[in-house]
Amino acid sequence: MSTSTATVLQQEEEKPKSNVPKEKKKKPKKNRKILENWQLYLFVLPALLYFVIFHYIPMYGLQIAFKDFIPALGIWGSEWVGFEHFARFFDSYYFWNLLKNTLSINVYELVVGFPLPIILALLLNEVKDGIYKKSVQTVTYAPHFISVVVMAGMIIAFLSPATGIVNHFIELLGFEPIRFLADPDWFKSVFVLSGVWQNTGWGTIIYLAALAGVDMQQHEAAIVDGASRLQRILYINIPALVPTMVILLILNIGNFLAVGFEKILLLQNPLNLESSNVIATFVYTAGLLEAQYSFAAAVGLFNAIINAILLVVVNQIAKKTSETSLW
């Protein structure tokens, strides 16, 4: 036997022996890491329990969407009807109106509301005066902490055609008062713009945090090369925000059909129902007010499935185009 052949045989005999202890050592190492970092796992436990108790266990009740649920008979005792409630919703005269209102409000909110926090963050990042910058941040952040009920009350009071400050200002300009909440054409603008006023400042926080991580040496090098402030914003700051923008856009699309239910319900009235009735408010009316539990569950499940599909599709598109995604 040659020397090379003997060497090869010796290496083959040694390979399994060297792999066995490595495979055995993996599990103890993992267990040791868990024990060493038990405090971190303890911190995660409340969040995990929250999702299990309030999000996963209630999914057991989704089966009533496929049954003619009668509370006296219970979930298991109710008759199975399959996709009857889904077909009823799709064939109803109000299906397309609900879908149109839900999509139009969300698209309006995304087009107007998504870029504004980015613009405000870029502007605040360029402000060097500490007192002025903090004052602007305080003023723009404050509306976020107003509750939905109080916000709706403020909107109704400010836009009242008789006593509202907005209509008083319109009358001073020589125009007739506008019934904002009684006109379906105005409802979407009132809803979206009031939401922009309330949430734009708060939305800048995460973008300012991303801008704080930009290496100042890039700006210094750009200044040396003669770049203007606008050029530095375009070629340094905005590219640094792109990953954050993509992630937030994916999350927004994931809740695309989940319009602010409480606010719409508080601002809704019979006069603006034509443009304010969305899937979320319809589920509330059908399920809680009219006690159509199975039908409301079917509509809500349809809403959730569409949101999940949009989330997956947009995430895959973002992953292929920008290499930034949630997973």
C-alpha atoms as a PDB file:
ATOM      1  CA  MET A   1       0.000   0.000   0.000  1.00  0.00           C
ATOM      2  CA  SER A   2       1.364   3.377  -0.969  1.00  0.00           C
ATOM      3  CA  THR A   3       1.880   6.213   1.488  1.00  0.00           C
ATOM      4  CA  SER A   4      -0.862   8.414  -0.128  1.00  0.00           C
ATOM      5  CA  THR A   5      -3.453   5.592   0.067  1.00  0.00           C
ATOM      6  CA  ALA A   6      -2.666   4.998   3.724  1.00  0.00           C
ATOM      7  CA  THR A   7      -3.049   8.709   4.435  1.00  0.00           C
ATOM      8  CA  VAL A   8      -6.510   8.841   2.760  1.00  0.00           C
ATOM      9  CA  LEU A   9      -7.740   5.807   4.715  1.00  0.00           C
ATOM     10  CA  GLN A  10      -6.491   7.310   7.943  1.00  0.00           C
ATOM     11  CA  GLN A  11      -8.365  10.588   7.251  1.00  0.00           C
ATOM     12  CA  GLU A  12     -11.622   8.739   6.459  1.00  0.00           C
ATOM     13  CA  GLU A  13     -11.365   6.812   9.734  1.00  0.00           C
ATOM     14  CA  GLU A  14     -10.804  10.010  11.687  1.00  0.00           C
ATOM     15  CA  LYS A  15     -13.721  11.994  10.137  1.00  0.00           C
ATOM     16  CA  PRO A  16     -16.675  10.340  11.931  1.00  0.00           C
ATOM     17  CA  LYS A  17     -14.745  10.340  15.190  1.00  0.00           C
ATOM     18  CA  SER A  18     -14.180  14.097  14.970  1.00  0.00           C
ATOM     19  CA  ASN A  19     -17.823  14.840  13.992  1.00  0.00           C
ATOM     20  CA  VAL A  20     -19.450  12.896  16.826  1.00  0.00           C
ATOM     21  CA  PRO A  21     -18.268  15.072  19.702  1.00  0.00           C
ATOM     22  CA  LYS A  22     -19.145  18.266  17.763  1.00  0.00           C
ATOM     23  CA  GLU A  23     -22.779  17.158  17.273  1.00  0.00           C
ATOM     24  CA  LYS A  24     -23.036  16.159  20.918  1.00  0.00           C
ATOM     25  CA  LYS A  25     -21.645  19.469  22.097  1.00  0.00           C
ATOM     26  CA  LYS A  26     -24.238  21.588  20.193  1.00  0.00           C
ATOM     27  CA  LYS A  27     -27.191  20.860  22.477  1.00  0.00           C
ATOM     28  CA  PRO A  28     -25.379  21.491  25.765  1.00  0.00           C
ATOM     29  CA  LYS A  29     -24.064  24.777  24.369  1.00  0.00           C
ATOM     30  CA  LYS A  30     -27.592  25.905  23.402  1.00  0.00           C
ATOM     31  CA  ASN A  31     -29.001  24.912  26.778  1.00  0.00           C
ATOM     32  CA  ARG A  32     -26.141  26.666  28.537  1.00  0.00           C
ATOM     33  CA  LYS A  33     -26.820  29.862  26.584  1.00  0.00           C
ATOM     34  CA  ILE A  34     -30.502  29.761  27.544  1.00  0.00           C
ATOM     35  CA  LEU A  35     -29.615  29.302  31.211  1.00  0.00           C
ATOM     36  CA  GLU A  36     -27.031  32.073  31.076  1.00  0.00           C
ATOM     37  CA  ASN A  37     -29.516  34.523  29.477  1.00  0.00           C
ATOM     38  CA  TRP A  38     -32.635  33.472  31.386  1.00  0.00           C
ATOM     39  CA  GLN A  39     -33.385  37.122  32.241  1.00  0.00           C
ATOM     40  CA  LEU A  40     -33.847  37.940  28.547  1.00  0.00           C
ATOM     41  CA  TYR A  41     -36.221  35.027  28.060  1.00  0.00           C
ATOM     42  CA  LEU A  42     -38.133  36.159  31.155  1.00  0.00           C
ATOM     43  CA  PHE A  43     -38.578  39.611  29.613  1.00  0.00           C
ATOM     44  CA  VAL A  44     -39.917  38.051  26.388  1.00  0.00           C
ATOM     45  CA  LEU A  45     -42.375  35.812  28.265  1.00  0.00           C
ATOM     46  CA  PRO A  46     -45.116  38.465  28.915  1.00  0.00           C
ATOM     47  CA  ALA A  47     -45.187  39.433  25.225  1.00  0.00           C
ATOM     48  CA  LEU A  48     -45.314  35.777  24.226  1.00  0.00           C
ATOM     49  CA  LEU A  49     -48.168  35.091  26.663  1.00  0.00           C
ATOM     50  CA  TYR A  50     -50.042  38.141  25.372  1.00  0.00           C
ATOM     51  CA  PHE A  51     -49.980  36.896  21.782  1.00  0.00           C
ATOM     52  CA  VAL A  52     -50.839  33.330  22.770  1.00  0.00           C
ATOM     53  CA  ILE A  53     -53.768  34.312  25.018  1.00  0.00           C
ATOM     54  CA  PHE A  54     -55.258  37.191  23.029  1.00  0.00           C
ATOM     55  CA  HIS A  55     -54.300  36.327  19.427  1.00  0.00           C
ATOM     56  CA  TYR A  56     -53.815  32.578  19.018  1.00  0.00           C
ATOM     57  CA  ILE A  57     -56.291  30.997  21.449  1.00  0.00           C
ATOM     58  CA  PRO A  58     -59.221  33.141  20.162  1.00  0.00           C
ATOM     59  CA  MET A  59     -58.556  31.774  16.650  1.00  0.00           C
ATOM     60  CA  TYR A  60     -60.483  28.726  17.852  1.00  0.00           C
ATOM     61  CA  GLY A  61     -63.632  30.833  17.422  1.00  0.00           C
ATOM     62  CA  LEU A  62     -62.976  31.527  13.728  1.00  0.00           C
ATOM     63  CA  GLN A  63     -64.905  28.404  12.841  1.00  0.00           C
ATOM     64  CA  ILE A  64     -68.185  30.244  13.479  1.00  0.00           C
ATOM     65  CA  ALA A  65     -67.539  31.989  10.142  1.00  0.00           C
ATOM     66  CA  PHE A  66     -68.358  28.626   8.541  1.00  0.00           C
ATOM     67  CA  LYS A  67     -71.322  27.849  10.801  1.00  0.00           C
ATOM     68  CA  ASP A  68     -74.780  29.197  11.551  1.00  0.00           C
ATOM     69  CA  PHE A  69     -73.721  30.125  15.070  1.00  0.00           C
ATOM     70  CA  ILE A  70     -76.405  30.104  17.759  1.00  0.00           C
ATOM     71  CA  PRO A  71     -75.112  31.041  21.249  1.00  0.00           C
ATOM     72  CA  ALA A  72     -77.489  28.587  22.953  1.00  0.00           C
ATOM     73  CA  LEU A  73     -76.032  25.671  20.965  1.00  0.00           C
ATOM     74  CA  GLY A  74     -72.406  26.757  21.261  1.00  0.00           C
ATOM     75  CA  ILE A  75     -69.709  26.609  18.614  1.00  0.00           C
ATOM     76  CA  TRP A  76     -69.645  22.827  18.253  1.00  0.00           C
ATOM     77  CA  GLY A  77     -73.423  22.461  18.355  1.00  0.00           C
ATOM     78  CA  SER A  78     -74.123  25.039  15.638  1.00  0.00           C
ATOM     79  CA  GLU A  79     -74.833  23.867  12.088  1.00  0.00           C
ATOM     80  CA  TRP A  80     -71.983  23.838   9.552  1.00  0.00           C
ATOM     81  CA  VAL A  81     -72.849  25.970   6.486  1.00  0.00           C
ATOM     82  CA  GLY A  82     -69.466  26.201   4.752  1.00  0.00           C
ATOM     83  CA  PHE A  83     -68.882  29.328   2.660  1.00  0.00           C
ATOM     84  CA  GLU A  84     -72.501  30.490   2.753  1.00  0.00           C
ATOM     85  CA  HIS A  85     -71.733  33.684   4.710  1.00  0.00           C
ATOM     86  CA  PHE A  86     -68.828  34.580   2.417  1.00  0.00           C
ATOM     87  CA  ALA A  87     -71.027  34.130  -0.667  1.00  0.00           C
ATOM     88  CA  ARG A  88     -73.728  36.262   0.937  1.00  0.00           C
ATOM     89  CA  PHE A  89     -71.212  39.061   1.584  1.00  0.00           C
ATOM     90  CA  PHE A  90     -69.708  38.919  -1.918  1.00  0.00           C
ATOM     91  CA  ASP A  91     -73.165  38.951  -3.550  1.00  0.00           C
ATOM     92  CA  SER A  92     -74.522  41.799  -1.416  1.00  0.00           C
ATOM     93  CA  TYR A  93     -75.199  45.232  -2.914  1.00  0.00           C
ATOM     94  CA  TYR A  94     -72.952  46.940  -0.337  1.00  0.00           C
ATOM     95  CA  PHE A  95     -69.842  44.788  -0.928  1.00  0.00           C
ATOM     96  CA  TRP A  96     -68.243  47.003  -3.579  1.00  0.00           C
ATOM     97  CA  ASN A  97     -69.120  50.189  -1.711  1.00  0.00           C
ATOM     98  CA  LEU A  98     -67.475  48.885   1.483  1.00  0.00           C
ATOM     99  CA  LEU A  99     -64.397  47.762  -0.443  1.00  0.00           C
ATOM    100  CA  LYS A 100     -64.173  51.067  -2.339  1.00  0.00           C
ATOM    101  CA  ASN A 101     -64.442  53.154   0.846  1.00  0.00           C
ATOM    102  CA  THR A 102     -61.896  51.030   2.706  1.00  0.00           C
ATOM    103  CA  LEU A 103     -59.361  51.079  -0.130  1.00  0.00           C
ATOM    104  CA  SER A 104     -59.807  54.769  -0.973  1.00  0.00           C
ATOM    105  CA  ILE A 105     -59.328  55.882   2.634  1.00  0.00           C
ATOM    106  CA  ASN A 106     -56.229  53.710   3.011  1.00  0.00           C
ATOM    107  CA  VAL A 107     -54.682  54.823  -0.287  1.00  0.00           C
ATOM    108  CA  TYR A 108     -55.432  58.470   0.572  1.00  0.00           C
ATOM    109  CA  GLU A 109     -53.859  58.011   4.000  1.00  0.00           C
ATOM    110  CA  LEU A 110     -50.807  56.236   2.576  1.00  0.00           C
ATOM    111  CA  VAL A 111     -50.168  58.799  -0.173  1.00  0.00           C
ATOM    112  CA  VAL A 112     -50.568  61.816   2.124  1.00  0.00           C
ATOM    113  CA  GLY A 113     -49.504  60.471   5.500  1.00  0.00           C
ATOM    114  CA  PHE A 114     -46.538  58.243   4.692  1.00  0.00           C
ATOM    115  CA  PRO A 115     -44.129  60.825   3.139  1.00  0.00           C
ATOM    116  CA  LEU A 116     -44.804  63.628   5.660  1.00  0.00           C
ATOM    117  CA  PRO A 117     -42.958  62.089   8.665  1.00  0.00           C
ATOM    118  CA  ILE A 118     -39.953  61.510   6.376  1.00  0.00           C
ATOM    119  CA  ILE A 119     -39.970  65.120   5.177  1.00  0.00           C
ATOM    120  CA  LEU A 120     -40.391  66.457   8.727  1.00  0.00           C
ATOM    121  CA  ALA A 121     -37.565  64.243  10.007  1.00  0.00           C
ATOM    122  CA  LEU A 122     -35.232  65.475   7.255  1.00  0.00           C
ATOM    123  CA  LEU A 123     -36.102  69.084   8.069  1.00  0.00           C
ATOM    124  CA  LEU A 124     -35.660  68.632  11.832  1.00  0.00           C
ATOM    125  CA  ASN A 125     -32.337  66.904  11.241  1.00  0.00           C
ATOM    126  CA  GLU A 126     -31.059  70.043   9.495  1.00  0.00           C
ATOM    127  CA  VAL A 127     -32.090  72.352  12.371  1.00  0.00           C
ATOM    128  CA  LYS A 128     -29.085  73.175  14.551  1.00  0.00           C
ATOM    129  CA  ASP A 129     -30.834  75.364  17.155  1.00  0.00           C
ATOM    130  CA  GLY A 130     -31.497  73.011  20.080  1.00  0.00           C
ATOM    131  CA  ILE A 131     -34.269  75.059  21.738  1.00  0.00           C
ATOM    132  CA  TYR A 132     -36.158  75.669  18.484  1.00  0.00           C
ATOM    133  CA  LYS A 133     -35.795  72.023  17.436  1.00  0.00           C
ATOM    134  CA  LYS A 134     -37.076  70.730  20.780  1.00  0.00           C
ATOM    135  CA  SER A 135     -39.994  73.165  20.685  1.00  0.00           C
ATOM    136  CA  VAL A 136     -41.037  72.008  17.215  1.00  0.00           C
ATOM    137  CA  GLN A 137     -40.717  68.369  18.258  1.00  0.00           C
ATOM    138  CA  THR A 138     -42.848  68.926  21.358  1.00  0.00           C
ATOM    139  CA  VAL A 139     -45.564  70.716  19.396  1.00  0.00           C
ATOM    140  CA  THR A 140     -45.679  68.059  16.666  1.00  0.00           C
ATOM    141  CA  TYR A 141     -45.490  65.082  19.060  1.00  0.00           C
ATOM    142  CA  ALA A 142     -48.202  66.316  21.449  1.00  0.00           C
ATOM    143  CA  PRO A 143     -51.300  65.535  19.281  1.00  0.00           C
ATOM    144  CA  HIS A 144     -50.362  61.848  19.237  1.00  0.00           C
ATOM    145  CA  PHE A 145     -51.247  61.563  22.939  1.00  0.00           C
ATOM    146  CA  ILE A 146     -54.798  62.845  22.457  1.00  0.00           C
ATOM    147  CA  SER A 147     -57.262  59.960  22.779  1.00  0.00           C
ATOM    148  CA  VAL A 148     -59.445  58.994  19.832  1.00  0.00           C
ATOM    149  CA  VAL A 149     -62.629  60.047  21.627  1.00  0.00           C
ATOM    150  CA  VAL A 150     -61.245  63.487  22.477  1.00  0.00           C
ATOM    151  CA  MET A 151     -59.891  63.870  18.936  1.00  0.00           C
ATOM    152  CA  ALA A 152     -63.291  63.056  17.442  1.00  0.00           C
ATOM    153  CA  GLY A 153     -64.946  65.547  19.802  1.00  0.00           C
ATOM    154  CA  MET A 154     -62.463  68.241  18.766  1.00  0.00           C
ATOM    155  CA  ILE A 155     -63.083  67.564  15.073  1.00  0.00           C
ATOM    156  CA  ILE A 156     -66.860  67.745  15.513  1.00  0.00           C
ATOM    157  CA  ALA A 157     -66.583  70.971  17.525  1.00  0.00           C
ATOM    158  CA  PHE A 158     -64.109  72.678  15.168  1.00  0.00           C
ATOM    159  CA  LEU A 159     -66.033  71.734  12.015  1.00  0.00           C
ATOM    160  CA  SER A 160     -69.517  72.542  13.262  1.00  0.00           C
ATOM    161  CA  PRO A 161     -71.315  74.707  10.650  1.00  0.00           C
ATOM    162  CA  ALA A 162     -72.848  76.901  13.366  1.00  0.00           C
ATOM    163  CA  THR A 163     -70.208  77.224  16.088  1.00  0.00           C
ATOM    164  CA  GLY A 164     -67.042  75.705  14.619  1.00  0.00           C
ATOM    165  CA  ILE A 165     -63.912  77.856  14.459  1.00  0.00           C
ATOM    166  CA  VAL A 166     -63.103  76.594  10.943  1.00  0.00           C
ATOM    167  CA  ASN A 167     -66.436  77.739   9.545  1.00  0.00           C
ATOM    168  CA  HIS A 168     -66.149  81.066  11.370  1.00  0.00           C
ATOM    169  CA  PHE A 169     -62.864  81.618   9.543  1.00  0.00           C
ATOM    170  CA  ILE A 170     -64.490  80.600   6.226  1.00  0.00           C
ATOM    171  CA  GLU A 171     -67.295  83.107   6.819  1.00  0.00           C
ATOM    172  CA  LEU A 172     -64.733  85.843   7.546  1.00  0.00           C
ATOM    173  CA  LEU A 173     -63.305  85.202   4.087  1.00  0.00           C
ATOM    174  CA  GLY A 174     -66.772  85.774   2.604  1.00  0.00           C
ATOM    175  CA  PHE A 175     -67.743  82.163   1.871  1.00  0.00           C
ATOM    176  CA  GLU A 176     -70.673  80.055   2.999  1.00  0.00           C
ATOM    177  CA  PRO A 177     -70.079  77.620   5.905  1.00  0.00           C
ATOM    178  CA  ILE A 178     -69.359  74.036   4.896  1.00  0.00           C
ATOM    179  CA  ARG A 179     -71.047  71.044   6.491  1.00  0.00           C
ATOM    180  CA  PHE A 180     -67.902  68.926   6.588  1.00  0.00           C
ATOM    181  CA  LEU A 181     -69.297  65.927   8.475  1.00  0.00           C
ATOM    182  CA  ALA A 182     -72.658  66.006   6.704  1.00  0.00           C
ATOM    183  CA  ASP A 183     -71.155  65.902   3.217  1.00  0.00           C
ATOM    184  CA  PRO A 184     -69.834  62.478   2.038  1.00  0.00           C
ATOM    185  CA  ASP A 185     -67.357  64.220  -0.276  1.00  0.00           C
ATOM    186  CA  TRP A 186     -65.579  65.838   2.677  1.00  0.00           C
ATOM    187  CA  PHE A 187     -65.467  62.879   5.066  1.00  0.00           C
ATOM    188  CA  LYS A 188     -62.339  61.171   3.693  1.00  0.00           C
ATOM    189  CA  SER A 189     -60.342  64.424   3.699  1.00  0.00           C
ATOM    190  CA  VAL A 190     -61.417  65.239   7.257  1.00  0.00           C
ATOM    191  CA  PHE A 191     -60.495  61.747   8.456  1.00  0.00           C
ATOM    192  CA  VAL A 192     -57.114  61.570   6.713  1.00  0.00           C
ATOM    193  CA  LEU A 193     -55.916  65.134   7.349  1.00  0.00           C
ATOM    194  CA  SER A 194     -56.847  65.035  11.035  1.00  0.00           C
ATOM    195  CA  GLY A 195     -54.900  61.763  11.300  1.00  0.00           C
ATOM    196  CA  VAL A 196     -51.921  63.346   9.569  1.00  0.00           C
ATOM    197  CA  TRP A 197     -51.976  66.239  12.041  1.00  0.00           C
ATOM    198  CA  GLN A 198     -52.139  63.812  14.966  1.00  0.00           C
ATOM    199  CA  ASN A 199     -49.513  61.274  13.897  1.00  0.00           C
ATOM    200  CA  THR A 200     -46.960  62.995  11.640  1.00  0.00           C
ATOM    201  CA  GLY A 201     -44.787  64.288  14.483  1.00  0.00           C
ATOM    202  CA  TRP A 202     -44.795  60.954  16.269  1.00  0.00           C
ATOM    203  CA  GLY A 203     -43.864  59.162  13.056  1.00  0.00           C
ATOM    204  CA  THR A 204     -40.670  61.195  12.724  1.00  0.00           C
ATOM    205  CA  ILE A 205     -39.092  59.620  15.818  1.00  0.00           C
ATOM    206  CA  ILE A 206     -37.953  56.425  14.098  1.00  0.00           C
ATOM    207  CA  TYR A 207     -36.639  58.368  11.089  1.00  0.00           C
ATOM    208  CA  LEU A 208     -34.686  60.748  13.312  1.00  0.00           C
ATOM    209  CA  ALA A 209     -33.174  57.712  15.033  1.00  0.00           C
ATOM    210  CA  ALA A 210     -32.106  56.350  11.638  1.00  0.00           C
ATOM    211  CA  LEU A 211     -30.595  59.718  10.677  1.00  0.00           C
ATOM    212  CA  ALA A 212     -28.674  59.816  13.953  1.00  0.00           C
ATOM    213  CA  GLY A 213     -26.812  56.713  12.787  1.00  0.00           C
ATOM    214  CA  VAL A 214     -25.489  58.356   9.629  1.00  0.00           C
ATOM    215  CA  ASP A 215     -21.700  58.656   9.693  1.00  0.00           C
ATOM    216  CA  MET A 216     -20.781  62.353   9.915  1.00  0.00           C
ATOM    217  CA  GLN A 217     -17.598  61.663   7.959  1.00  0.00           C
ATOM    218  CA  GLN A 218     -19.758  61.199   4.874  1.00  0.00           C
ATOM    219  CA  HIS A 219     -21.158  64.718   5.303  1.00  0.00           C
ATOM    220  CA  GLU A 220     -17.694  66.134   5.961  1.00  0.00           C
ATOM    221  CA  ALA A 221     -16.315  64.490   2.828  1.00  0.00           C
ATOM    222  CA  ALA A 222     -19.299  65.760   0.808  1.00  0.00           C
ATOM    223  CA  ILE A 223     -18.755  69.324   2.109  1.00  0.00           C
ATOM    224  CA  VAL A 224     -15.095  69.137   1.121  1.00  0.00           C
ATOM    225  CA  ASP A 225     -16.171  68.026  -2.369  1.00  0.00           C
ATOM    226  CA  GLY A 226     -18.468  71.060  -2.589  1.00  0.00           C
ATOM    227  CA  ALA A 227     -21.837  69.345  -2.114  1.00  0.00           C
ATOM    228  CA  SER A 228     -24.722  71.604  -1.107  1.00  0.00           C
ATOM    229  CA  ARG A 229     -27.057  70.850   1.803  1.00  0.00           C
ATOM    230  CA  LEU A 230     -29.774  69.652  -0.586  1.00  0.00           C
ATOM    231  CA  GLN A 231     -27.323  67.326  -2.327  1.00  0.00           C
ATOM    232  CA  ARG A 232     -26.225  65.866   1.004  1.00  0.00           C
ATOM    233  CA  ILE A 233     -29.885  65.229   1.904  1.00  0.00           C
ATOM    234  CA  LEU A 234     -30.539  63.555  -1.455  1.00  0.00           C
ATOM    235  CA  TYR A 235     -27.415  61.411  -1.641  1.00  0.00           C
ATOM    236  CA  ILE A 236     -26.599  60.688   2.020  1.00  0.00           C
ATOM    237  CA  ASN A 237     -29.625  61.097   4.303  1.00  0.00           C
ATOM    238  CA  ILE A 238     -32.373  59.701   2.091  1.00  0.00           C
ATOM    239  CA  PRO A 239     -30.426  56.508   1.141  1.00  0.00           C
ATOM    240  CA  ALA A 240     -29.818  55.981   4.873  1.00  0.00           C
ATOM    241  CA  LEU A 241     -33.595  56.115   5.454  1.00  0.00           C
ATOM    242  CA  VAL A 242     -34.535  53.710   2.665  1.00  0.00           C
ATOM    243  CA  PRO A 243     -34.370  50.461   4.758  1.00  0.00           C
ATOM    244  CA  THR A 244     -36.514  52.039   7.496  1.00  0.00           C
ATOM    245  CA  MET A 245     -38.944  53.395   4.909  1.00  0.00           C
ATOM    246  CA  VAL A 246     -39.311  49.958   3.289  1.00  0.00           C
ATOM    247  CA  ILE A 247     -39.981  48.190   6.599  1.00  0.00           C
ATOM    248  CA  LEU A 248     -42.592  50.760   7.674  1.00  0.00           C
ATOM    249  CA  LEU A 249     -44.223  50.630   4.248  1.00  0.00           C
ATOM    250  CA  ILE A 250     -44.529  46.842   4.503  1.00  0.00           C
ATOM    251  CA  LEU A 251     -46.096  47.163   7.963  1.00  0.00           C
ATOM    252  CA  ASN A 252     -48.529  49.802   6.698  1.00  0.00           C
ATOM    253  CA  ILE A 253     -49.558  47.613   3.768  1.00  0.00           C
ATOM    254  CA  GLY A 254     -50.045  44.728   6.208  1.00  0.00           C
ATOM    255  CA  ASN A 255     -52.784  46.794   7.899  1.00  0.00           C
ATOM    256  CA  PHE A 256     -54.080  48.208   4.634  1.00  0.00           C
ATOM    257  CA  LEU A 257     -57.732  47.247   5.171  1.00  0.00           C
ATOM    258  CA  ALA A 258     -57.657  47.853   8.925  1.00  0.00           C
ATOM    259  CA  VAL A 259     -58.783  51.471   8.910  1.00  0.00           C
ATOM    260  CA  GLY A 260     -58.988  53.380  12.205  1.00  0.00           C
ATOM    261  CA  PHE A 261     -62.255  51.782  13.289  1.00  0.00           C
ATOM    262  CA  GLU A 262     -62.936  53.818  16.439  1.00  0.00           C
ATOM    263  CA  LYS A 263     -62.377  57.212  14.849  1.00  0.00           C
ATOM    264  CA  ILE A 264     -64.546  56.439  11.831  1.00  0.00           C
ATOM    265  CA  LEU A 265     -67.312  55.146  14.088  1.00  0.00           C
ATOM    266  CA  LEU A 266     -67.211  58.319  16.210  1.00  0.00           C
ATOM    267  CA  LEU A 267     -67.317  60.616  13.156  1.00  0.00           C
ATOM    268  CA  GLN A 268     -69.881  58.541  11.285  1.00  0.00           C
ATOM    269  CA  ASN A 269     -73.482  59.664  10.901  1.00  0.00           C
ATOM    270  CA  PRO A 270     -76.369  58.811   8.531  1.00  0.00           C
ATOM    271  CA  LEU A 271     -75.500  61.750   6.250  1.00  0.00           C
ATOM    272  CA  ASN A 272     -71.887  60.677   5.531  1.00  0.00           C
ATOM    273  CA  LEU A 273     -72.496  56.911   5.654  1.00  0.00           C
ATOM    274  CA  GLU A 274     -72.064  56.694   1.889  1.00  0.00           C
ATOM    275  CA  SER A 275     -68.312  57.362   2.200  1.00  0.00           C
ATOM    276  CA  SER A 276     -67.646  56.463   5.858  1.00  0.00           C
ATOM    277  CA  ASN A 277     -68.978  52.921   5.967  1.00  0.00           C
ATOM    278  CA  VAL A 278     -65.933  50.610   5.784  1.00  0.00           C
ATOM    279  CA  ILE A 279     -65.421  46.901   6.402  1.00  0.00           C
ATOM    280  CA  ALA A 280     -64.422  47.415  10.057  1.00  0.00           C
ATOM    281  CA  THR A 281     -67.527  49.454  10.933  1.00  0.00           C
ATOM    282  CA  PHE A 282     -69.709  47.032   8.995  1.00  0.00           C
ATOM    283  CA  VAL A 283     -68.364  44.110  11.052  1.00  0.00           C
ATOM    284  CA  TYR A 284     -69.139  46.046  14.249  1.00  0.00           C
ATOM    285  CA  THR A 285     -72.693  46.836  13.119  1.00  0.00           C
ATOM    286  CA  ALA A 286     -73.468  43.348  11.842  1.00  0.00           C
ATOM    287  CA  GLY A 287     -71.801  41.482  14.700  1.00  0.00           C
ATOM    288  CA  LEU A 288     -72.541  43.488  17.824  1.00  0.00           C
ATOM    289  CA  LEU A 289     -75.585  45.578  16.978  1.00  0.00           C
ATOM    290  CA  GLU A 290     -77.465  43.120  14.761  1.00  0.00           C
ATOM    291  CA  ALA A 291     -76.138  39.919  16.427  1.00  0.00           C
ATOM    292  CA  GLN A 292     -75.164  38.321  13.077  1.00  0.00           C
ATOM    293  CA  TYR A 293     -72.150  36.661  14.651  1.00  0.00           C
ATOM    294  CA  SER A 294     -71.298  34.170  11.930  1.00  0.00           C
ATOM    295  CA  PHE A 295     -71.753  36.671   9.108  1.00  0.00           C
ATOM    296  CA  ALA A 296     -69.627  39.295  10.884  1.00  0.00           C
ATOM    297  CA  ALA A 297     -66.930  36.683  11.587  1.00  0.00           C
ATOM    298  CA  ALA A 298     -66.848  35.743   7.900  1.00  0.00           C
ATOM    299  CA  VAL A 299     -66.447  39.385   6.841  1.00  0.00           C
ATOM    300  CA  GLY A 300     -63.727  39.936   9.446  1.00  0.00           C
ATOM    301  CA  LEU A 301     -61.897  36.775   8.326  1.00  0.00           C
ATOM    302  CA  PHE A 302     -62.021  37.942   4.707  1.00  0.00           C
ATOM    303  CA  ASN A 303     -60.514  41.270   5.814  1.00  0.00           C
ATOM    304  CA  ALA A 304     -57.720  39.529   7.740  1.00  0.00           C
ATOM    305  CA  ILE A 305     -56.877  37.159   4.870  1.00  0.00           C
ATOM    306  CA  ILE A 306     -56.583  40.035   2.366  1.00  0.00           C
ATOM    307  CA  ASN A 307     -54.289  41.896   4.796  1.00  0.00           C
ATOM    308  CA  ALA A 308     -52.106  38.799   5.216  1.00  0.00           C
ATOM    309  CA  ILE A 309     -51.838  38.281   1.447  1.00  0.00           C
ATOM    310  CA  LEU A 310     -50.895  41.942   0.906  1.00  0.00           C
ATOM    311  CA  LEU A 311     -48.254  41.707   3.638  1.00  0.00           C
ATOM    312  CA  VAL A 312     -46.615  38.627   2.095  1.00  0.00           C
ATOM    313  CA  VAL A 313     -46.744  39.986  -1.468  1.00  0.00           C
ATOM    314  CA  VAL A 314     -45.317  43.412  -0.599  1.00  0.00           C
ATOM    315  CA  ASN A 315     -42.651  41.819   1.591  1.00  0.00           C
ATOM    316  CA  GLN A 316     -41.522  39.580  -1.296  1.00  0.00           C
ATOM    317  CA  ILE A 317     -41.499  42.517  -3.728  1.00  0.00           C
ATOM    318  CA  ALA A 318     -39.413  44.580  -1.299  1.00  0.00           C
ATOM    319  CA  LYS A 319     -37.048  41.675  -0.754  1.00  0.00           C
ATOM    320  CA  LYS A 320     -36.386  41.303  -4.476  1.00  0.00           C
ATOM    321  CA  THR A 321     -36.133  45.004  -5.292  1.00  0.00           C
ATOM    322  CA  SER A 322     -34.362  46.518  -2.277  1.00  0.00           C
ATOM    323  CA  GLU A 323     -33.047  43.457  -0.358  1.00  0.00           C
ATOM    324  CA  THR A 324     -34.847  44.799   2.728  1.00  0.00           C
ATOM    325  CA  SER A 325     -37.756  42.858   4.184  1.00  0.00           C
ATOM    326  CA  LEU A 326     -39.383  41.642   7.367  1.00  0.00           C
ATOM    327  CA  TRP A 327     -38.239  38.055   6.770  1.00  0.00           C
END
